[in-house]
Amino acid sequence: MIFEVSVQILLLLALAGFIAGFIDAIAGGGGLITVPALLLAGLPPVEALATNKLQGMCGSGSSVLAYASNGHVDIRKQWLSALASGLASVAGALLATVLPADVLNALLPILLIGIAIYFLIKPNMGDIDRAQRMGPTLFALTIVPLIGFYDGAFGPGTGSFFMLAFVSLAGYGVLKATAHTKTLNFASNVGSFLTFAFVGAIHWKIGLIMGVAQFAGARLGAMFAMKKGATLIKPLLVVVCILLAVRLLLNPENPIRTFIGI
């Protein structure tokens, strides 16, 4: 793949990766920063998405290590969910070219605003687990593959969807949900990364440089999240969902803008 960028651009992309890793480890939405940065650097859309999976995998992996080492997630108990997320993301990445992108572009801002409202108005949402509405096996075989498939096919808001599922269906507290979200997000990143690598769409130098920076940012973000818990995660999640929805709505090609004539 022949594509060269200046040292200055690489440094700016590394900074974007660090900031994205910090935010993503707490509330998700790192792609809100990195994908536009890659596009502005001149990468074609498919290569930008593929390279983003490489650097994003480094960030989510860093978060998983931090949360697991502090006892917030037992990776051995998450093997089924992780496998389901990873395999579904492979299918999503393979089928990305035939998915109805216009429908996703139209629905996603609405869904993200809905998630933001849920976390904003939900009372007594802290770090204490609540009633479980779905068993872990059923959760792993139904909800997880759907979100993993979405991550491989499209991507934005995946962490928010996992968070909503863990809190509302699995009954997890906010910090525990965040830790488990990053575990499954890492698995879906691995699956889609392998798929994009197979078809040769990744810019390795940019992805690895951003990946190192995102690894460091995610480690720092996870430390902050574990220290502050729901008092930090909940408001940042709301803000990230709203910002991501606004960014999608500002896209001139978004079907919602076309529908209302703006």
Protein backbone atom coordinates (compact mmCIF):
# COMPACT_ATOMS: atom_id res chain seq x y z
CA MET A 1 0.00 0.00 0.00
CA ILE A 2 1.68 3.21 -1.18
CA PHE A 3 0.71 6.12 1.03
CA GLU A 4 3.09 8.44 2.81
CA VAL A 5 2.45 11.18 5.37
CA SER A 6 4.77 13.73 6.94
CA VAL A 7 6.27 13.40 10.40
CA GLN A 8 4.05 16.27 11.57
CA ILE A 9 0.91 14.45 10.41
CA LEU A 10 2.06 11.25 12.11
CA LEU A 11 2.56 13.12 15.38
CA LEU A 12 -0.92 14.65 15.12
CA LEU A 13 -2.41 11.23 14.41
CA ALA A 14 -0.55 9.82 17.42
CA LEU A 15 -2.00 12.62 19.58
CA ALA A 16 -5.47 11.82 18.24
CA GLY A 17 -4.89 8.17 19.11
CA PHE A 18 -3.84 9.01 22.68
CA ILE A 19 -6.87 11.24 23.30
CA ALA A 20 -9.20 8.71 21.69
CA GLY A 21 -7.75 5.91 23.82
CA PHE A 22 -8.29 7.90 27.01
CA ILE A 23 -11.93 8.69 26.18
CA ASP A 24 -12.71 5.26 24.74
CA ALA A 25 -11.47 3.44 27.86
CA ILE A 26 -14.01 5.38 29.92
CA ALA A 27 -17.07 5.85 27.74
CA GLY A 28 -16.36 4.51 24.25
CA GLY A 29 -16.53 6.67 21.15
CA GLY A 30 -12.81 6.84 20.36
CA GLY A 31 -13.62 6.45 16.68
CA LEU A 32 -15.31 9.85 16.89
CA ILE A 33 -11.76 11.25 16.98
CA THR A 34 -9.61 8.77 15.07
CA VAL A 35 -11.67 8.06 11.95
CA PRO A 36 -12.06 11.77 11.02
CA ALA A 37 -8.34 12.26 11.78
CA LEU A 38 -7.40 9.44 9.42
CA LEU A 39 -9.69 10.79 6.71
CA LEU A 40 -8.23 14.30 7.11
CA ALA A 41 -4.74 12.79 6.78
CA GLY A 42 -5.77 11.63 3.32
CA LEU A 43 -6.57 7.94 3.75
CA PRO A 44 -9.41 6.62 1.58
CA PRO A 45 -12.53 5.68 3.60
CA VAL A 46 -12.03 1.90 3.55
CA GLU A 47 -8.36 2.22 4.51
CA ALA A 48 -9.26 4.69 7.25
CA LEU A 49 -11.78 2.26 8.75
CA ALA A 50 -9.35 -0.66 8.45
CA THR A 51 -6.42 1.24 9.97
CA ASN A 52 -8.71 2.45 12.73
CA LYS A 53 -9.40 -1.17 13.68
CA LEU A 54 -5.67 -1.81 14.14
CA GLN A 55 -5.07 1.17 16.42
CA GLY A 56 -8.43 0.69 18.15
CA MET A 57 -7.52 -2.92 18.93
CA CYS A 58 -4.42 -1.66 20.76
CA GLY A 59 -6.51 0.74 22.83
CA SER A 60 -9.25 -1.72 23.76
CA GLY A 61 -6.60 -4.35 24.56
CA SER A 62 -4.87 -1.90 26.90
CA SER A 63 -8.19 -1.19 28.64
CA VAL A 64 -8.90 -4.89 29.07
CA LEU A 65 -5.49 -5.49 30.67
CA ALA A 66 -6.02 -2.60 33.07
CA TYR A 67 -9.54 -3.64 34.11
CA ALA A 68 -8.67 -7.34 34.36
CA SER A 69 -5.54 -6.74 36.44
CA ASN A 70 -7.67 -4.80 38.93
CA GLY A 71 -10.33 -7.51 39.17
CA HIS A 72 -13.16 -5.76 37.30
CA VAL A 73 -13.49 -8.47 34.66
CA ASP A 74 -12.59 -12.17 34.61
CA ILE A 75 -11.50 -12.78 31.02
CA ARG A 76 -11.73 -16.56 31.44
CA LYS A 77 -15.46 -16.28 32.12
CA GLN A 78 -15.97 -14.10 29.06
CA TRP A 79 -14.62 -16.53 26.44
CA LEU A 80 -18.05 -17.35 24.97
CA SER A 81 -19.10 -13.71 24.69
CA ALA A 82 -15.69 -12.72 23.30
CA LEU A 83 -15.81 -15.51 20.72
CA ALA A 84 -19.33 -14.52 19.67
CA SER A 85 -18.33 -10.87 19.37
CA GLY A 86 -15.20 -11.65 17.35
CA LEU A 87 -16.86 -14.06 14.91
CA ALA A 88 -19.82 -11.74 14.39
CA SER A 89 -17.51 -8.83 13.64
CA VAL A 90 -15.81 -10.92 10.93
CA ALA A 91 -19.19 -11.49 9.32
CA GLY A 92 -20.00 -7.79 9.64
CA ALA A 93 -16.73 -6.71 8.02
CA LEU A 94 -17.19 -9.18 5.16
CA LEU A 95 -20.74 -8.01 4.50
CA ALA A 96 -20.06 -4.30 4.99
CA THR A 97 -20.27 -3.55 1.28
CA VAL A 98 -23.80 -4.93 0.92
CA LEU A 99 -25.36 -3.56 4.11
CA PRO A 100 -27.94 -0.74 3.77
CA ALA A 101 -25.62 2.03 4.90
CA ASP A 102 -28.29 4.71 4.46
CA VAL A 103 -30.56 2.97 6.95
CA LEU A 104 -27.73 2.72 9.50
CA ASN A 105 -26.77 6.35 8.97
CA ALA A 106 -30.36 7.41 9.57
CA LEU A 107 -31.03 5.24 12.62
CA LEU A 108 -27.72 5.58 14.47
CA PRO A 109 -28.05 9.24 15.63
CA ILE A 110 -31.53 8.48 16.96
CA LEU A 111 -30.29 5.39 18.82
CA LEU A 112 -27.33 7.25 20.31
CA ILE A 113 -29.51 10.11 21.55
CA GLY A 114 -31.83 7.51 23.06
CA ILE A 115 -28.90 5.88 24.90
CA ALA A 116 -27.76 9.28 26.17
CA ILE A 117 -31.25 10.03 27.51
CA TYR A 118 -31.43 6.59 29.16
CA PHE A 119 -28.18 7.09 31.08
CA LEU A 120 -29.06 10.71 31.84
CA ILE A 121 -32.45 10.09 33.43
CA LYS A 122 -31.99 6.55 34.79
CA PRO A 123 -32.17 6.88 38.61
CA ASN A 124 -29.81 5.16 41.04
CA MET A 125 -27.34 4.16 38.33
CA GLY A 126 -24.06 3.54 40.09
CA ASP A 127 -21.43 0.86 40.41
CA ILE A 128 -23.69 -1.63 42.23
CA ASP A 129 -25.07 -4.56 40.23
CA ARG A 130 -28.85 -4.76 39.84
CA ALA A 131 -31.43 -7.34 38.82
CA GLN A 132 -30.37 -9.49 35.88
CA ARG A 133 -32.92 -9.65 33.05
CA MET A 134 -31.02 -12.12 30.84
CA GLY A 135 -28.74 -15.03 31.68
CA PRO A 136 -25.08 -14.87 30.61
CA THR A 137 -25.32 -17.66 28.01
CA LEU A 138 -28.39 -16.24 26.31
CA PHE A 139 -26.82 -12.78 26.44
CA ALA A 140 -23.63 -14.11 24.82
CA LEU A 141 -25.50 -15.90 22.04
CA THR A 142 -28.01 -13.18 21.14
CA ILE A 143 -27.16 -9.60 22.13
CA VAL A 144 -23.36 -9.86 21.83
CA PRO A 145 -23.28 -11.17 18.23
CA LEU A 146 -25.68 -8.44 17.08
CA ILE A 147 -23.45 -5.69 18.45
CA GLY A 148 -20.27 -7.44 17.29
CA PHE A 149 -21.70 -7.72 13.77
CA TYR A 150 -22.56 -4.03 13.83
CA ASP A 151 -19.02 -3.16 14.91
CA GLY A 152 -17.51 -5.06 12.00
CA ALA A 153 -19.92 -3.58 9.49
CA PHE A 154 -20.14 0.02 10.66
CA GLY A 155 -18.61 0.73 14.08
CA PRO A 156 -19.55 4.10 15.60
CA GLY A 157 -21.30 3.76 18.97
CA THR A 158 -20.40 0.10 19.55
CA GLY A 159 -19.18 0.77 23.09
CA SER A 160 -22.36 2.65 23.91
CA PHE A 161 -24.51 -0.24 22.70
CA PHE A 162 -22.52 -2.76 24.76
CA MET A 163 -22.79 -0.47 27.80
CA LEU A 164 -26.56 -0.18 27.43
CA ALA A 165 -26.90 -3.95 27.07
CA PHE A 166 -24.75 -4.75 30.11
CA VAL A 167 -26.53 -2.21 32.33
CA SER A 168 -30.13 -2.80 31.21
CA LEU A 169 -30.09 -6.56 30.52
CA ALA A 170 -27.14 -8.09 32.39
CA GLY A 171 -27.75 -5.87 35.44
CA TYR A 172 -24.15 -4.72 35.75
CA GLY A 173 -23.06 -1.60 37.60
CA VAL A 174 -21.55 1.14 35.45
CA LEU A 175 -17.87 0.38 36.14
CA LYS A 176 -18.32 -3.38 35.70
CA ALA A 177 -20.25 -2.75 32.48
CA THR A 178 -17.43 -0.55 31.20
CA ALA A 179 -14.82 -3.25 31.91
CA HIS A 180 -16.86 -5.96 30.17
CA THR A 181 -17.68 -3.62 27.28
CA LYS A 182 -13.99 -3.15 26.53
CA THR A 183 -13.44 -6.92 26.62
CA LEU A 184 -16.08 -7.57 23.96
CA ASN A 185 -15.07 -4.47 22.00
CA PHE A 186 -11.52 -5.82 21.89
CA ALA A 187 -12.80 -9.14 20.55
CA SER A 188 -14.84 -7.42 17.82
CA ASN A 189 -11.84 -5.25 16.94
CA VAL A 190 -9.67 -8.35 16.57
CA GLY A 191 -12.20 -10.03 14.29
CA SER A 192 -12.67 -7.06 11.98
CA PHE A 193 -8.94 -6.26 12.07
CA LEU A 194 -8.07 -9.77 10.84
CA THR A 195 -10.64 -9.44 8.08
CA PHE A 196 -9.31 -6.07 6.89
CA ALA A 197 -5.73 -7.35 7.14
CA PHE A 198 -6.63 -10.31 4.95
CA VAL A 199 -7.91 -8.04 2.19
CA GLY A 200 -4.88 -5.73 2.52
CA ALA A 201 -6.72 -2.55 3.53
CA ILE A 202 -4.61 -1.54 6.55
CA HIS A 203 -1.91 1.15 6.56
CA TRP A 204 0.46 -0.53 8.99
CA LYS A 205 2.84 2.32 9.84
CA ILE A 206 0.06 4.75 10.71
CA GLY A 207 -1.96 2.10 12.52
CA LEU A 208 0.95 0.94 14.67
CA ILE A 209 2.08 4.46 15.60
CA MET A 210 -1.48 5.42 16.57
CA GLY A 211 -1.87 2.06 18.29
CA VAL A 212 1.06 2.70 20.63
CA ALA A 213 -0.35 6.12 21.51
CA GLN A 214 -3.85 4.73 22.00
CA PHE A 215 -2.50 1.93 24.21
CA ALA A 216 -1.02 4.57 26.54
CA GLY A 217 -4.12 6.77 26.47
CA ALA A 218 -6.43 3.83 27.17
CA ARG A 219 -4.32 2.74 30.12
CA LEU A 220 -4.58 6.21 31.64
CA GLY A 221 -8.31 6.43 30.90
CA ALA A 222 -8.99 3.07 32.53
CA MET A 223 -7.11 4.18 35.66
CA PHE A 224 -9.27 7.31 35.86
CA ALA A 225 -12.46 5.27 35.34
CA MET A 226 -11.56 2.81 38.10
CA LYS A 227 -10.76 5.68 40.45
CA LYS A 228 -13.91 7.73 39.78
CA GLY A 229 -16.39 5.01 38.82
CA ALA A 230 -19.91 5.98 37.77
CA THR A 231 -19.38 9.65 38.71
CA LEU A 232 -17.00 9.93 35.72
CA ILE A 233 -18.26 7.25 33.35
CA LYS A 234 -21.95 8.15 33.27
CA PRO A 235 -21.67 11.88 32.32
CA LEU A 236 -18.86 11.20 29.84
CA LEU A 237 -20.90 8.45 28.20
CA VAL A 238 -23.84 10.84 27.79
CA VAL A 239 -21.59 13.52 26.26
CA VAL A 240 -19.89 11.04 23.89
CA CYS A 241 -23.23 9.68 22.65
CA ILE A 242 -24.55 13.18 21.97
CA LEU A 243 -21.34 14.30 20.23
CA LEU A 244 -21.28 11.20 18.05
CA ALA A 245 -24.94 11.72 17.10
CA VAL A 246 -24.27 15.38 16.25
CA ARG A 247 -21.23 14.45 14.16
CA LEU A 248 -23.29 11.95 12.17
CA LEU A 249 -26.11 14.44 11.68
CA LEU A 250 -23.67 17.09 10.43
CA ASN A 251 -22.64 14.79 7.58
CA PRO A 252 -24.26 16.34 4.46
CA GLU A 253 -24.96 12.83 3.13
CA ASN A 254 -26.92 11.71 6.20
CA PRO A 255 -30.40 10.56 5.05
CA ILE A 256 -32.09 12.44 7.89
CA ARG A 257 -30.78 15.75 6.54
CA THR A 258 -32.00 14.83 3.08
CA PHE A 259 -35.40 13.81 4.44
CA ILE A 260 -36.00 17.12 6.27
CA GLY A 261 -34.48 19.16 3.46
CA ILE A 262 -31.35 20.68 5.05
